[in-house]
Amino acid sequence: MGADTVADVGTHIVWDWNGTLFHDIDAVVAASNAAFAEFGLAPLSVERYRDLYCVPIQDFHRKVMGRHPTEEEWVRLNDAFERAYARERARCGLAEGVRELLSGWRTGGGSQSLLSMYGHAELVPLVTGLGIAAEFARVDGRPEPSTGGSKTEYLVRHLDALGVPAGSTVVIGDALDDAVAARAVGARAVLYSGGSHSRASLSTLGVPVVDSLSEAVALARVYA
C-alpha cells in the first residue's frame, strides 16, 4: 500500500507498528509463551521478555531455549507464535494518543509513513480497519514469510519508494533493530520504551529513548 513519492518533506517520520503505534506487547508475550509451551518451556513475564528479546529472532529463541533451534523447530516456533498472535491481537489497539499525534503531524505539514516487519497482507487491513491509513504516505509490511532478519533492507526499499532522503528521516520504533536500520541508512532514530525491549537495552545504542510517543514526535520536530 503506498502513494506517490514525497517531495521536499522536511523531516519525514517512519513509524514502526508492533509495539509502537500498535500496543500489543501483552499479545506478543502471550503468543511467544504459547510457542515456547510446545517445547515444555516456562512462560516469560513481560519484563523478562523485554530483557531477552533481540534480533535475529533465532538468537532470542537461543536465549530462551538454551540452544539454537533447528530449522524445523524455528518453523514450528514461528507457526505457533503466528497462530496464537492472531488470536491475541483482537484484544489490542493503538497506543495512547496515536490518532492525535498522527493527525497533528500531518495537518502541521509533516510527512510520515509506516514500515513494519509484520506481514503486509495482515498489516494493511489492520491499519485500514483502525481508521489511520490516510495519515501515511506509504504503508509497507514484510512482503515474504518471516526469516527473523534485520529491518535495514526493508527501510532502504521503503525510502526509495517514497523518494525520501535518509538524512531527512527519523525512524520511531520500539526495538534496537529500528535504530540499527536507521543508522545503517544514515537516518536518525528515536526509541520508545513501551514495546519489545527494556529501557536499559534500548539505551545501549546511544540514540534518544523516550517513554511516550508524544516525546518521540517532539524530538522529530526538533530535527525538522
Protein backbone atom coordinates (compact mmCIF):
# COMPACT_ATOMS: atom_id res chain seq x y z
CA MET A 1 0.00 0.00 0.00
CA GLY A 2 1.52 3.33 -0.96
CA ALA A 3 1.22 6.73 -2.52
CA ASP A 4 3.15 8.98 -4.87
CA THR A 5 6.65 9.84 -3.81
CA VAL A 6 7.08 12.56 -1.21
CA ALA A 7 8.85 15.71 -2.31
CA ASP A 8 10.52 18.33 -0.08
CA VAL A 9 9.04 16.99 3.14
CA GLY A 10 11.45 18.41 5.71
CA THR A 11 11.64 15.78 8.44
CA HIS A 12 9.91 12.56 7.44
CA ILE A 13 8.86 10.12 10.19
CA VAL A 14 8.97 6.39 9.52
CA TRP A 15 6.83 4.75 12.17
CA ASP A 16 7.15 1.19 13.37
CA TRP A 17 3.92 -0.71 14.03
CA ASN A 18 4.06 -3.57 16.56
CA GLY A 19 4.96 -2.29 20.00
CA THR A 20 5.00 1.31 18.78
CA LEU A 21 1.80 2.60 17.18
CA PHE A 22 0.05 -0.70 17.92
CA HIS A 23 0.20 -1.52 21.62
CA ASP A 24 0.48 -5.29 21.54
CA ILE A 25 3.29 -6.23 23.92
CA ASP A 26 0.98 -8.35 26.08
CA ALA A 27 -0.26 -10.20 23.00
CA VAL A 28 3.30 -10.74 21.74
CA VAL A 29 4.42 -12.17 25.07
CA ALA A 30 1.34 -14.40 25.33
CA ALA A 31 1.90 -15.69 21.79
CA SER A 32 5.60 -16.27 22.48
CA ASN A 33 4.73 -18.21 25.62
CA ALA A 34 2.25 -20.33 23.64
CA ALA A 35 5.02 -21.18 21.18
CA PHE A 36 7.55 -21.96 23.91
CA ALA A 37 5.00 -24.11 25.74
CA GLU A 38 5.13 -26.56 22.82
CA PHE A 39 8.72 -27.24 23.90
CA GLY A 40 7.86 -27.50 27.60
CA LEU A 41 9.40 -24.14 28.47
CA ALA A 42 8.17 -21.96 31.31
CA PRO A 43 6.31 -18.73 30.42
CA LEU A 44 8.11 -15.40 30.36
CA SER A 45 6.89 -12.27 32.12
CA VAL A 46 6.73 -9.06 30.08
CA GLU A 47 9.80 -7.81 31.94
CA ARG A 48 11.78 -10.98 31.26
CA TYR A 49 10.72 -10.97 27.62
CA ARG A 50 11.99 -7.41 27.24
CA ASP A 51 15.29 -8.31 28.87
CA LEU A 52 15.87 -11.23 26.47
CA TYR A 53 14.37 -10.03 23.19
CA CYS A 54 16.72 -9.43 20.26
CA VAL A 55 17.06 -9.96 16.53
CA PRO A 56 17.71 -12.05 14.64
CA ILE A 57 14.81 -13.77 16.36
CA GLN A 58 16.70 -17.07 16.37
CA ASP A 59 19.09 -15.50 18.90
CA PHE A 60 16.13 -14.67 21.14
CA HIS A 61 14.99 -18.28 20.87
CA ARG A 62 18.51 -19.42 21.75
CA LYS A 63 18.43 -17.33 24.94
CA VAL A 64 15.10 -18.82 25.97
CA MET A 65 15.82 -22.42 24.92
CA GLY A 66 19.46 -22.52 25.92
CA ARG A 67 20.46 -23.55 22.39
CA HIS A 68 19.84 -22.57 18.79
CA PRO A 69 16.60 -24.03 17.41
CA THR A 70 16.89 -26.32 14.43
CA GLU A 71 15.31 -25.23 11.16
CA GLU A 72 12.35 -27.48 11.87
CA GLU A 73 11.99 -26.05 15.36
CA TRP A 74 12.23 -22.48 14.01
CA VAL A 75 9.34 -23.15 11.65
CA ARG A 76 7.34 -24.75 14.44
CA LEU A 77 8.01 -21.85 16.81
CA ASN A 78 7.14 -19.26 14.20
CA ASP A 79 3.93 -21.03 13.14
CA ALA A 80 2.80 -21.45 16.76
CA PHE A 81 3.54 -17.82 17.50
CA GLU A 82 1.60 -16.57 14.48
CA ARG A 83 -1.45 -18.70 15.32
CA ALA A 84 -1.50 -17.51 18.91
CA TYR A 85 -0.82 -13.88 17.99
CA ALA A 86 -3.75 -13.87 15.55
CA ARG A 87 -5.99 -14.76 18.50
CA GLU A 88 -4.41 -12.39 21.00
CA ARG A 89 -4.27 -9.41 18.62
CA ALA A 90 -8.04 -8.93 18.78
CA ARG A 91 -7.64 -7.53 22.30
CA CYS A 92 -5.10 -4.89 21.24
CA GLY A 93 -5.43 -1.34 19.96
CA LEU A 94 -3.49 1.80 19.19
CA ALA A 95 -1.09 3.19 21.77
CA GLU A 96 -2.23 6.15 23.81
CA GLY A 97 -2.63 9.36 21.81
CA VAL A 98 -1.66 7.85 18.45
CA ARG A 99 -4.58 9.24 16.46
CA GLU A 100 -3.93 12.77 17.65
CA LEU A 101 -0.17 12.52 17.10
CA LEU A 102 -0.52 11.23 13.55
CA SER A 103 -3.16 13.78 12.64
CA GLY A 104 -1.23 16.62 14.24
CA TRP A 105 1.98 15.78 12.38
CA ARG A 106 0.16 15.51 9.04
CA THR A 107 -2.00 18.64 9.42
CA GLY A 108 1.06 20.53 10.56
CA GLY A 109 2.64 19.84 7.18
CA GLY A 110 4.74 16.84 8.21
CA SER A 111 5.24 13.68 6.18
CA GLN A 112 5.06 10.19 7.68
CA SER A 113 4.92 6.57 6.64
CA LEU A 114 4.64 3.15 8.23
CA LEU A 115 7.17 0.33 7.91
CA SER A 116 6.68 -2.93 9.77
CA MET A 117 8.17 -6.39 9.89
CA TYR A 118 4.61 -7.66 10.36
CA GLY A 119 3.29 -9.40 7.25
CA HIS A 120 1.99 -6.94 4.66
CA ALA A 121 -1.19 -8.90 3.97
CA GLU A 122 -2.13 -8.74 7.66
CA LEU A 123 -0.87 -5.21 8.29
CA VAL A 124 -2.80 -3.26 5.66
CA PRO A 125 -6.33 -4.34 6.66
CA LEU A 126 -5.46 -3.82 10.33
CA VAL A 127 -4.23 -0.26 9.74
CA THR A 128 -7.21 0.45 7.50
CA GLY A 129 -9.67 -1.00 9.99
CA LEU A 130 -8.31 1.23 12.74
CA GLY A 131 -9.01 4.25 10.54
CA ILE A 132 -5.48 5.67 10.28
CA ALA A 133 -4.31 4.54 6.82
CA ALA A 134 -4.90 8.01 5.32
CA GLU A 135 -2.35 9.51 7.71
CA PHE A 136 0.53 7.78 5.92
CA ALA A 137 2.23 8.48 2.61
CA ARG A 138 3.03 4.78 2.42
CA VAL A 139 2.34 1.60 4.40
CA ASP A 140 4.73 -1.33 3.98
CA GLY A 141 4.76 -4.63 5.81
CA ARG A 142 7.04 -7.60 5.32
CA PRO A 143 6.28 -9.00 1.85
CA GLU A 144 7.53 -12.55 2.42
CA PRO A 145 7.49 -15.15 5.20
CA SER A 146 9.49 -14.15 8.25
CA THR A 147 13.16 -15.08 8.32
CA GLY A 148 13.77 -13.23 11.59
CA GLY A 149 16.28 -10.92 9.94
CA SER A 150 17.04 -7.21 10.05
CA LYS A 151 14.81 -4.30 9.08
CA THR A 152 17.59 -2.49 7.20
CA GLU A 153 16.90 -3.81 3.70
CA TYR A 154 13.19 -3.05 4.09
CA LEU A 155 13.95 0.51 5.20
CA VAL A 156 16.12 1.04 2.11
CA ARG A 157 13.30 -0.10 -0.18
CA HIS A 158 10.73 1.93 1.73
CA LEU A 159 12.63 5.21 1.47
CA ASP A 160 13.48 4.57 -2.18
CA ALA A 161 9.80 4.04 -2.98
CA LEU A 162 8.91 7.28 -1.21
CA GLY A 163 11.77 9.28 -2.71
CA VAL A 164 12.70 10.48 0.77
CA PRO A 165 16.39 11.01 1.63
CA ALA A 166 17.58 9.09 4.66
CA GLY A 167 19.18 12.23 6.07
CA SER A 168 15.72 13.81 6.38
CA THR A 169 14.22 10.75 8.09
CA VAL A 170 13.51 9.93 11.73
CA VAL A 171 12.66 6.31 12.50
CA ILE A 172 10.45 5.91 15.58
CA GLY A 173 10.25 2.36 16.92
CA ASP A 174 10.43 0.15 19.97
CA ALA A 175 13.29 -2.17 19.00
CA LEU A 176 17.06 -1.93 18.77
CA ASP A 177 16.74 -3.07 15.17
CA ASP A 178 14.88 0.15 14.34
CA ALA A 179 17.92 2.15 15.45
CA VAL A 180 20.34 -0.24 13.72
CA ALA A 181 18.43 0.09 10.45
CA ALA A 182 18.26 3.88 10.77
CA ARG A 183 21.99 4.13 11.43
CA ALA A 184 22.79 1.83 8.50
CA VAL A 185 21.00 4.09 6.01
CA GLY A 186 22.01 7.42 7.55
CA ALA A 187 18.71 8.28 9.26
CA ARG A 188 18.05 9.35 12.85
CA ALA A 189 16.18 7.16 15.33
CA VAL A 190 14.10 7.65 18.46
CA LEU A 191 13.32 4.54 20.50
CA TYR A 192 10.14 4.06 22.54
CA SER A 193 10.21 2.06 25.77
CA GLY A 194 6.62 0.76 25.60
CA GLY A 195 7.31 -2.20 23.35
CA SER A 196 9.63 -5.17 22.99
CA HIS A 197 12.83 -4.05 24.74
CA SER A 198 13.71 -2.90 28.23
CA ARG A 199 14.71 0.74 28.59
CA ALA A 200 18.18 -0.36 29.64
CA SER A 201 18.77 -2.33 26.45
CA LEU A 202 17.38 0.47 24.27
CA SER A 203 19.89 2.85 25.83
CA THR A 204 22.90 0.83 24.65
CA LEU A 205 23.00 2.34 21.13
CA GLY A 206 23.30 5.97 22.14
CA VAL A 207 20.09 7.18 20.47
CA PRO A 208 17.31 9.03 22.32
CA VAL A 209 14.98 6.78 24.34
CA VAL A 210 11.53 8.08 25.31
CA ASP A 211 8.68 6.77 27.44
CA SER A 212 5.86 8.21 25.32
CA LEU A 213 5.21 8.67 21.62
CA SER A 214 4.46 12.35 22.19
CA GLU A 215 8.07 12.74 23.36
CA ALA A 216 9.24 10.97 20.18
CA VAL A 217 7.28 13.38 17.98
CA ALA A 218 8.61 16.34 19.94
CA LEU A 219 12.15 15.19 19.13
CA ALA A 220 11.23 14.78 15.47
CA ARG A 221 10.05 18.39 15.49
CA VAL A 222 13.43 19.45 16.83
CA TYR A 223 15.08 17.71 13.89
CA ALA A 224 12.78 19.49 11.37
